[in-house]
Amino acid sequence: KKLGFSHVIMRVSPASIQVSSKMYFRMSTGQIDQSTSFAQETLFTPDMRLKEFSLLQEVMGSRQHIAAKAVGGKLVMDIASSESSKEISLPFPPDSALSSTILLNLMREGLEVGKKGKQPVFIEPLRIFSDLQYEILRKETVESEGKPVETFVITQNIGGMEATMWVAPNGIVLRE
């Protein structure tokens, strides 16, 4: 059953890469609506090093905004909600990636069947690090807008949560 949608736009210039993403999903547990939305703007250097990101998330009616900058091997975050505001700083190793842009990193390295790996990722909504394990299982043809499209089937696991994506060679996720 379809739970929601995600939408990503990437803008590339000589000075930076900007990624705008939105995600919405709706689930109900018993009589409780657990609708969740995320809107994120992320700015990278041309070689995909994080400069900053801004994340607005709403979970079950509670909103939170995170504005973060990568400064000297640290991630400095201003976190604001209707109840409070605080600043925290966490180590951000140079080989780290953001969970919201992990597919961009995989695309940059090239997709090929059998490839697998592990990378530390920062999960922005939870503000924690976890290792992402991924494997490109196979190529598979799926239908998109009435036409067959050859895709890469990629599994990923972060903290015990596993997902499978069908990704076209141009990076468009057709199914997840």
Protein backbone atom coordinates (compact mmCIF):
# COMPACT_ATOMS: atom_id res chain seq x y z
CA LYS A 1 0.00 0.00 0.00
CA LYS A 2 1.35 3.39 -0.95
CA LEU A 3 2.15 5.41 2.18
CA GLY A 4 3.19 8.72 0.66
CA PHE A 5 5.59 10.39 -1.74
CA SER A 6 9.02 11.95 -2.03
CA HIS A 7 10.28 14.58 -4.44
CA VAL A 8 13.87 15.71 -5.04
CA ILE A 9 15.32 18.47 -7.24
CA MET A 10 19.06 18.95 -7.71
CA ARG A 11 20.62 22.15 -9.04
CA VAL A 12 24.28 22.09 -10.07
CA SER A 13 26.42 25.20 -10.57
CA PRO A 14 30.21 25.64 -10.76
CA ALA A 15 30.26 26.80 -7.11
CA SER A 16 27.83 24.37 -5.45
CA ILE A 17 25.25 21.61 -5.60
CA GLN A 18 21.85 22.36 -4.09
CA VAL A 19 19.37 19.61 -3.27
CA SER A 20 15.74 20.36 -2.39
CA SER A 21 13.71 17.45 -1.09
CA LYS A 22 10.22 16.89 0.25
CA MET A 23 8.72 13.75 1.71
CA TYR A 24 5.30 12.96 3.10
CA PHE A 25 3.85 9.76 4.45
CA ARG A 26 0.72 8.90 6.35
CA MET A 27 0.18 5.95 8.63
CA SER A 28 -2.41 5.22 11.25
CA THR A 29 -1.85 3.16 14.34
CA GLY A 30 -5.20 2.31 15.78
CA GLN A 31 -7.08 5.61 15.75
CA ILE A 32 -3.90 7.75 15.84
CA ASP A 33 -2.89 9.61 12.66
CA GLN A 34 0.91 9.51 12.37
CA SER A 35 1.32 11.80 9.34
CA THR A 36 4.90 12.92 8.84
CA SER A 37 6.48 15.43 6.46
CA PHE A 38 10.02 16.64 5.82
CA ALA A 39 11.22 19.54 3.67
CA GLN A 40 14.97 19.94 3.35
CA GLU A 41 17.36 22.27 1.51
CA THR A 42 20.96 21.04 1.37
CA LEU A 43 24.02 22.79 -0.04
CA PHE A 44 27.21 20.96 -1.03
CA THR A 45 30.56 21.91 -2.50
CA PRO A 46 31.09 20.78 -6.12
CA ASP A 47 32.79 17.60 -4.80
CA MET A 48 29.75 16.74 -2.62
CA ARG A 49 31.14 17.92 0.74
CA LEU A 50 28.38 19.23 3.00
CA LYS A 51 28.22 22.99 3.51
CA GLU A 52 24.83 23.32 5.23
CA PHE A 53 21.26 22.09 5.40
CA SER A 54 17.90 23.31 6.64
CA LEU A 55 15.25 20.77 7.63
CA LEU A 56 11.65 21.44 8.56
CA GLN A 57 9.88 18.36 9.89
CA GLU A 58 6.39 17.78 11.16
CA VAL A 59 5.61 14.58 13.01
CA MET A 60 2.06 14.03 14.29
CA GLY A 61 1.43 17.79 14.39
CA SER A 62 4.70 18.75 16.13
CA ARG A 63 7.07 20.93 14.08
CA GLN A 64 10.82 21.25 14.38
CA HIS A 65 13.35 23.21 12.34
CA ILE A 66 17.04 22.31 12.14
CA ALA A 67 19.56 24.68 10.54
CA ALA A 68 23.01 23.09 10.31
CA LYS A 69 26.45 24.07 8.99
CA ALA A 70 29.56 21.93 8.54
CA VAL A 71 32.39 23.83 10.22
CA GLY A 72 35.90 22.45 10.84
CA GLY A 73 34.95 18.76 11.09
CA LYS A 74 31.83 19.49 13.14
CA LEU A 75 28.16 19.85 12.41
CA VAL A 76 26.76 22.88 14.24
CA MET A 77 22.97 22.77 14.50
CA ASP A 78 20.35 25.27 15.66
CA ILE A 79 17.26 23.28 16.61
CA ALA A 80 13.99 25.12 17.15
CA SER A 81 10.47 23.99 18.00
CA SER A 82 7.48 25.80 19.43
CA GLU A 83 8.63 24.78 22.92
CA SER A 84 12.39 25.44 22.78
CA SER A 85 15.49 26.42 20.89
CA LYS A 86 19.05 25.14 21.33
CA GLU A 87 22.39 24.81 19.58
CA ILE A 88 24.36 21.58 19.51
CA SER A 89 27.59 20.55 17.86
CA LEU A 90 28.58 17.03 16.78
CA PRO A 91 31.71 15.62 15.14
CA PHE A 92 31.16 15.25 11.38
CA PRO A 93 33.94 13.11 9.83
CA PRO A 94 34.83 13.93 6.21
CA ASP A 95 33.67 10.51 4.93
CA SER A 96 30.18 11.01 6.40
CA ALA A 97 27.10 11.52 4.27
CA LEU A 98 23.57 12.70 4.94
CA SER A 99 20.84 10.07 4.90
CA SER A 100 18.72 12.28 2.63
CA THR A 101 21.34 12.35 -0.14
CA ILE A 102 22.86 8.87 0.04
CA LEU A 103 21.57 7.98 -3.45
CA LEU A 104 23.52 10.92 -4.89
CA ASN A 105 26.70 9.48 -3.38
CA LEU A 106 25.95 6.05 -4.84
CA MET A 107 25.27 7.58 -8.26
CA ARG A 108 28.51 9.56 -8.10
CA GLU A 109 30.49 6.37 -7.45
CA GLY A 110 28.66 4.55 -10.25
CA LEU A 111 26.02 1.84 -10.15
CA GLU A 112 26.99 -1.72 -11.03
CA VAL A 113 25.45 -5.04 -10.10
CA GLY A 114 27.22 -6.77 -7.22
CA LYS A 115 28.62 -3.59 -5.70
CA LYS A 116 28.17 -3.33 -1.95
CA GLY A 117 29.49 -1.14 0.77
CA LYS A 118 29.12 0.54 4.12
CA GLN A 119 29.19 4.26 4.90
CA PRO A 120 28.58 6.34 8.01
CA VAL A 121 25.48 8.49 7.55
CA PHE A 122 23.94 11.26 9.60
CA ILE A 123 20.18 10.77 9.92
CA GLU A 124 19.03 14.38 9.95
CA PRO A 125 15.54 14.04 11.52
CA LEU A 126 16.91 11.95 14.41
CA ARG A 127 20.25 13.81 14.67
CA ILE A 128 22.23 10.57 15.01
CA PHE A 129 24.88 8.68 13.07
CA SER A 130 24.42 5.15 11.84
CA ASP A 131 26.14 2.91 9.32
CA LEU A 132 24.40 2.44 6.01
CA GLN A 133 24.97 -0.90 4.33
CA TYR A 134 23.96 -1.22 0.70
CA GLU A 135 24.10 -3.74 -2.12
CA ILE A 136 23.19 -3.46 -5.79
CA LEU A 137 21.45 -6.80 -6.28
CA ARG A 138 20.50 -6.92 -9.95
CA LYS A 139 19.05 -5.13 -12.93
CA GLU A 140 15.31 -5.42 -13.40
CA THR A 141 12.88 -3.98 -15.91
CA VAL A 142 9.87 -2.19 -14.40
CA GLU A 143 7.06 -0.24 -16.00
CA SER A 144 7.04 3.54 -15.62
CA GLU A 145 4.43 5.71 -17.32
CA GLY A 146 3.47 2.78 -19.54
CA LYS A 147 7.02 2.09 -20.74
CA PRO A 148 9.59 -0.51 -19.68
CA VAL A 149 12.59 0.98 -17.86
CA GLU A 150 15.71 -0.94 -16.88
CA THR A 151 16.55 -0.27 -13.23
CA PHE A 152 19.10 -1.20 -10.60
CA VAL A 153 17.62 -2.93 -7.57
CA ILE A 154 19.41 -1.61 -4.48
CA THR A 155 18.91 -2.73 -0.90
CA GLN A 156 19.97 -0.56 1.99
CA ASN A 157 19.94 -1.06 5.72
CA ILE A 158 20.28 1.68 8.33
CA GLY A 159 20.01 0.69 11.96
CA GLY A 160 17.98 -2.42 11.18
CA MET A 161 15.55 -0.64 8.84
CA GLU A 162 15.82 -2.19 5.40
CA ALA A 163 14.57 -0.66 2.15
CA THR A 164 14.70 -1.70 -1.49
CA MET A 165 14.83 0.83 -4.33
CA TRP A 166 14.41 0.45 -8.08
CA VAL A 167 16.63 3.18 -9.56
CA ALA A 168 16.90 4.15 -13.23
CA PRO A 169 20.44 4.76 -14.56
CA ASN A 170 19.75 8.52 -14.45
CA GLY A 171 19.14 8.34 -10.67
CA ILE A 172 15.36 8.56 -10.68
CA VAL A 173 13.80 6.30 -8.06
CA LEU A 174 10.85 4.54 -9.68
CA ARG A 175 9.83 2.44 -6.68
CA GLU A 176 10.91 2.15 -3.06
